[in-house]
Amino acid sequence: MIQNEKIRPAKVIGPLGEPLTIDTLPPPSTTRWVVRRKAEVVAAVNGGLLSVDEVCDRYSLTVEEFAGWQRAIDRSGMPGLRVTRIQHYRSLYERQQKY
């Protein structure tokens, strides 16, 4: 009998064009989330390397926090992940939605 197993890629393309594997992702003990690391984790999920649940468990994130990272990348690219610019990009996006 054939089982329905998820087929995962061995690697995906990261935000800077480099190949990402499970081993090259940020370590599970990461506490300092810079833009590049956030973007790598989002790219891993988007490419099918990990699921959202696996990422949340691995990095002790909430689903809402991870969804915020995905939204920021979708709206503004990597610069949208900068903590110091969140309010700027949020207001910019809200203004765009009005028109």
N, C-alpha and C. Protein backbone atom coordinates (compact mmCIF):
# COMPACT_ATOMS: atom_id res chain seq x y z
N MET A 1 0.84 -1.17 0.00
CA MET A 1 0.00 0.00 0.00
C MET A 1 0.89 1.25 0.00
N ILE A 2 0.51 2.23 -0.77
CA ILE A 2 1.28 3.47 -0.87
C ILE A 2 0.82 4.43 0.21
N GLN A 3 1.76 4.92 0.96
CA GLN A 3 1.43 5.88 2.00
C GLN A 3 1.59 7.29 1.48
N ASN A 4 0.77 8.17 1.96
CA ASN A 4 0.82 9.56 1.55
C ASN A 4 1.81 10.30 2.46
N GLU A 5 3.04 10.32 2.07
CA GLU A 5 4.08 10.99 2.85
C GLU A 5 4.41 12.33 2.20
N LYS A 6 4.69 13.30 3.05
CA LYS A 6 5.10 14.59 2.52
C LYS A 6 6.52 14.48 1.98
N ILE A 7 6.69 14.93 0.77
CA ILE A 7 8.02 14.95 0.19
C ILE A 7 8.57 16.35 0.39
N ARG A 8 9.69 16.42 1.06
CA ARG A 8 10.31 17.71 1.35
C ARG A 8 11.57 17.87 0.53
N PRO A 9 11.82 19.09 0.11
CA PRO A 9 13.06 19.32 -0.62
C PRO A 9 14.26 19.23 0.33
N ALA A 10 15.39 18.87 -0.21
CA ALA A 10 16.61 18.81 0.60
C ALA A 10 17.13 20.22 0.88
N LYS A 11 16.84 21.13 -0.05
CA LYS A 11 17.26 22.52 0.15
C LYS A 11 16.31 23.44 -0.59
N VAL A 12 16.27 24.68 -0.15
CA VAL A 12 15.48 25.72 -0.80
C VAL A 12 16.38 26.93 -1.01
N ILE A 13 15.93 27.85 -1.82
CA ILE A 13 16.71 29.06 -2.06
C ILE A 13 16.36 30.08 -0.98
N GLY A 14 17.38 30.60 -0.33
CA GLY A 14 17.19 31.57 0.73
C GLY A 14 16.93 32.97 0.21
N PRO A 15 16.72 33.91 1.10
CA PRO A 15 16.39 35.27 0.71
C PRO A 15 17.51 36.00 -0.03
N LEU A 16 18.72 35.56 0.16
CA LEU A 16 19.86 36.19 -0.52
C LEU A 16 20.36 35.36 -1.69
N GLY A 17 19.59 34.32 -2.07
CA GLY A 17 19.95 33.50 -3.21
C GLY A 17 20.82 32.29 -2.89
N GLU A 18 21.15 32.10 -1.62
CA GLU A 18 21.98 30.96 -1.22
C GLU A 18 21.10 29.76 -0.88
N PRO A 19 21.61 28.55 -1.05
CA PRO A 19 20.82 27.37 -0.70
C PRO A 19 20.68 27.24 0.82
N LEU A 20 19.47 26.91 1.27
CA LEU A 20 19.21 26.70 2.70
C LEU A 20 18.84 25.24 2.92
N THR A 21 19.43 24.65 3.94
CA THR A 21 19.05 23.31 4.37
C THR A 21 18.67 23.39 5.84
N ILE A 22 18.19 22.30 6.37
CA ILE A 22 17.87 22.26 7.80
C ILE A 22 19.10 22.63 8.63
N ASP A 23 20.27 22.16 8.20
CA ASP A 23 21.50 22.41 8.95
C ASP A 23 21.98 23.85 8.87
N THR A 24 21.62 24.56 7.79
CA THR A 24 22.10 25.94 7.65
C THR A 24 21.10 26.97 8.18
N LEU A 25 19.93 26.52 8.62
CA LEU A 25 18.98 27.44 9.24
C LEU A 25 19.52 27.91 10.59
N PRO A 26 19.01 29.02 11.09
CA PRO A 26 19.45 29.46 12.42
C PRO A 26 19.24 28.36 13.45
N PRO A 27 20.13 28.27 14.44
CA PRO A 27 19.99 27.21 15.45
C PRO A 27 18.72 27.41 16.29
N PRO A 28 18.17 26.33 16.82
CA PRO A 28 16.96 26.44 17.64
C PRO A 28 17.12 27.33 18.87
N SER A 29 18.32 27.53 19.32
CA SER A 29 18.56 28.36 20.51
C SER A 29 18.63 29.86 20.18
N THR A 30 18.34 30.25 18.96
CA THR A 30 18.43 31.64 18.54
C THR A 30 17.49 32.51 19.36
N THR A 31 18.02 33.59 19.90
CA THR A 31 17.20 34.55 20.64
C THR A 31 17.29 35.94 20.02
N ARG A 32 18.32 36.20 19.26
CA ARG A 32 18.49 37.51 18.61
C ARG A 32 18.09 37.35 17.14
N TRP A 33 16.93 37.90 16.81
CA TRP A 33 16.37 37.72 15.47
C TRP A 33 16.67 38.93 14.60
N VAL A 34 17.73 38.82 13.81
CA VAL A 34 18.05 39.86 12.84
C VAL A 34 17.25 39.59 11.56
N VAL A 35 17.20 40.57 10.69
CA VAL A 35 16.40 40.48 9.47
C VAL A 35 16.74 39.24 8.66
N ARG A 36 18.01 38.96 8.47
CA ARG A 36 18.42 37.82 7.64
C ARG A 36 17.90 36.51 8.20
N ARG A 37 18.00 36.32 9.51
CA ARG A 37 17.53 35.07 10.11
C ARG A 37 16.03 34.91 9.97
N LYS A 38 15.29 35.98 10.20
CA LYS A 38 13.84 35.92 10.03
C LYS A 38 13.50 35.54 8.59
N ALA A 39 14.17 36.18 7.64
CA ALA A 39 13.90 35.92 6.22
C ALA A 39 14.26 34.49 5.85
N GLU A 40 15.32 33.94 6.43
CA GLU A 40 15.69 32.55 6.16
C GLU A 40 14.61 31.59 6.64
N VAL A 41 14.07 31.84 7.81
CA VAL A 41 13.03 30.97 8.36
C VAL A 41 11.77 31.05 7.51
N VAL A 42 11.40 32.25 7.10
CA VAL A 42 10.22 32.41 6.24
C VAL A 42 10.45 31.70 4.90
N ALA A 43 11.65 31.83 4.33
CA ALA A 43 11.95 31.16 3.06
C ALA A 43 11.88 29.64 3.22
N ALA A 44 12.32 29.13 4.37
CA ALA A 44 12.27 27.69 4.61
C ALA A 44 10.83 27.19 4.62
N VAL A 45 9.94 27.95 5.23
CA VAL A 45 8.53 27.55 5.26
C VAL A 45 7.92 27.69 3.87
N ASN A 46 8.19 28.80 3.20
CA ASN A 46 7.62 29.02 1.87
C ASN A 46 8.10 27.97 0.87
N GLY A 47 9.33 27.49 1.05
CA GLY A 47 9.87 26.48 0.15
C GLY A 47 9.51 25.05 0.53
N GLY A 48 8.88 24.86 1.69
CA GLY A 48 8.46 23.52 2.10
C GLY A 48 9.49 22.76 2.90
N LEU A 49 10.58 23.43 3.30
CA LEU A 49 11.62 22.76 4.09
C LEU A 49 11.10 22.44 5.49
N LEU A 50 10.33 23.33 6.08
CA LEU A 50 9.69 23.13 7.38
C LEU A 50 8.25 23.62 7.30
N SER A 51 7.42 23.11 8.20
CA SER A 51 6.05 23.61 8.29
C SER A 51 6.00 24.75 9.31
N VAL A 52 4.91 25.47 9.32
CA VAL A 52 4.76 26.57 10.29
C VAL A 52 4.81 26.02 11.71
N ASP A 53 4.14 24.90 11.95
CA ASP A 53 4.15 24.31 13.29
C ASP A 53 5.55 23.90 13.72
N GLU A 54 6.32 23.33 12.79
CA GLU A 54 7.70 22.93 13.11
C GLU A 54 8.56 24.14 13.44
N VAL A 55 8.39 25.22 12.69
CA VAL A 55 9.15 26.43 12.95
C VAL A 55 8.80 27.01 14.32
N CYS A 56 7.51 27.05 14.61
CA CYS A 56 7.07 27.60 15.89
C CYS A 56 7.60 26.77 17.06
N ASP A 57 7.58 25.46 16.92
CA ASP A 57 8.13 24.59 17.97
C ASP A 57 9.64 24.74 18.07
N ARG A 58 10.31 24.74 16.94
CA ARG A 58 11.77 24.78 16.91
C ARG A 58 12.32 26.08 17.50
N TYR A 59 11.65 27.19 17.21
CA TYR A 59 12.17 28.50 17.63
C TYR A 59 11.36 29.15 18.75
N SER A 60 10.41 28.44 19.32
CA SER A 60 9.55 28.97 20.39
C SER A 60 8.87 30.27 19.97
N LEU A 61 8.27 30.25 18.80
CA LEU A 61 7.55 31.40 18.27
C LEU A 61 6.06 31.12 18.35
N THR A 62 5.28 32.18 18.37
CA THR A 62 3.83 32.00 18.24
C THR A 62 3.50 32.03 16.75
N VAL A 63 2.37 31.46 16.41
CA VAL A 63 1.94 31.47 15.01
C VAL A 63 1.73 32.91 14.56
N GLU A 64 1.22 33.75 15.43
CA GLU A 64 0.98 35.16 15.10
C GLU A 64 2.29 35.89 14.80
N GLU A 65 3.32 35.60 15.59
CA GLU A 65 4.62 36.24 15.37
C GLU A 65 5.20 35.84 14.02
N PHE A 66 5.14 34.54 13.72
CA PHE A 66 5.64 34.09 12.43
C PHE A 66 4.81 34.66 11.28
N ALA A 67 3.50 34.69 11.45
CA ALA A 67 2.63 35.25 10.41
C ALA A 67 2.96 36.72 10.17
N GLY A 68 3.34 37.43 11.22
CA GLY A 68 3.76 38.82 11.07
C GLY A 68 5.00 38.94 10.23
N TRP A 69 5.93 38.01 10.40
CA TRP A 69 7.15 38.01 9.57
C TRP A 69 6.78 37.78 8.12
N GLN A 70 5.91 36.82 7.87
CA GLN A 70 5.50 36.53 6.49
C GLN A 70 4.81 37.73 5.86
N ARG A 71 3.91 38.36 6.61
CA ARG A 71 3.21 39.54 6.11
C ARG A 71 4.19 40.67 5.79
N ALA A 72 5.16 40.88 6.67
CA ALA A 72 6.14 41.94 6.46
C ALA A 72 6.94 41.71 5.19
N ILE A 73 7.34 40.47 4.94
CA ILE A 73 8.09 40.16 3.72
C ILE A 73 7.21 40.33 2.49
N ASP A 74 5.97 39.87 2.57
CA ASP A 74 5.06 40.00 1.44
C ASP A 74 4.80 41.46 1.09
N ARG A 75 4.68 42.29 2.09
CA ARG A 75 4.36 43.70 1.86
C ARG A 75 5.56 44.54 1.47
N SER A 76 6.68 44.35 2.19
CA SER A 76 7.81 45.28 2.05
C SER A 76 9.14 44.62 1.77
N GLY A 77 9.17 43.30 1.62
CA GLY A 77 10.43 42.60 1.43
C GLY A 77 11.22 42.54 2.73
N MET A 78 12.48 42.22 2.63
CA MET A 78 13.31 42.09 3.82
C MET A 78 13.36 43.36 4.68
N PRO A 79 13.39 44.56 4.09
CA PRO A 79 13.42 45.75 4.95
C PRO A 79 12.21 45.85 5.88
N GLY A 80 11.10 45.24 5.51
CA GLY A 80 9.92 45.26 6.36
C GLY A 80 10.09 44.49 7.66
N LEU A 81 11.11 43.66 7.74
CA LEU A 81 11.36 42.87 8.95
C LEU A 81 12.16 43.64 10.00
N ARG A 82 12.66 44.80 9.64
CA ARG A 82 13.44 45.59 10.60
C ARG A 82 12.55 46.10 11.70
N VAL A 83 12.88 45.78 12.93
CA VAL A 83 12.06 46.17 14.07
C VAL A 83 11.96 47.69 14.17
N THR A 84 13.02 48.38 13.84
CA THR A 84 13.02 49.84 13.97
C THR A 84 12.16 50.52 12.91
N ARG A 85 11.73 49.79 11.89
CA ARG A 85 10.95 50.38 10.81
C ARG A 85 9.54 49.82 10.70
N ILE A 86 9.12 49.01 11.66
CA ILE A 86 7.80 48.37 11.58
C ILE A 86 6.70 49.41 11.45
N GLN A 87 6.72 50.43 12.29
CA GLN A 87 5.66 51.43 12.26
C GLN A 87 5.63 52.17 10.93
N HIS A 88 6.81 52.47 10.39
CA HIS A 88 6.87 53.16 9.09
C HIS A 88 6.21 52.33 8.00
N TYR A 89 6.58 51.06 7.90
CA TYR A 89 6.03 50.21 6.86
C TYR A 89 4.54 49.92 7.09
N ARG A 90 4.14 49.81 8.36
CA ARG A 90 2.73 49.57 8.65
C ARG A 90 1.88 50.75 8.18
N SER A 91 2.30 51.97 8.50
CA SER A 91 1.52 53.14 8.08
C SER A 91 1.55 53.30 6.56
N LEU A 92 2.68 52.99 5.94
CA LEU A 92 2.77 53.06 4.49
C LEU A 92 1.79 52.09 3.84
N TYR A 93 1.73 50.88 4.36
CA TYR A 93 0.83 49.88 3.80
C TYR A 93 -0.63 50.29 4.01
N GLU A 94 -0.95 50.83 5.18
CA GLU A 94 -2.32 51.25 5.44
C GLU A 94 -2.73 52.38 4.51
N ARG A 95 -1.83 53.31 4.21
CA ARG A 95 -2.13 54.39 3.28
C ARG A 95 -2.39 53.83 1.89
N GLN A 96 -1.61 52.82 1.47
CA GLN A 96 -1.79 52.23 0.16
C GLN A 96 -3.14 51.52 0.05
N GLN A 97 -3.61 50.94 1.15
CA GLN A 97 -4.87 50.22 1.14
C GLN A 97 -6.06 51.17 0.97
N LYS A 98 -5.90 52.44 1.37
CA LYS A 98 -6.99 53.41 1.28
C LYS A 98 -7.28 53.81 -0.15
N TYR A 99 -6.30 53.73 -1.03
CA TYR A 99 -6.47 54.23 -2.41
C TYR A 99 -6.75 53.12 -3.38
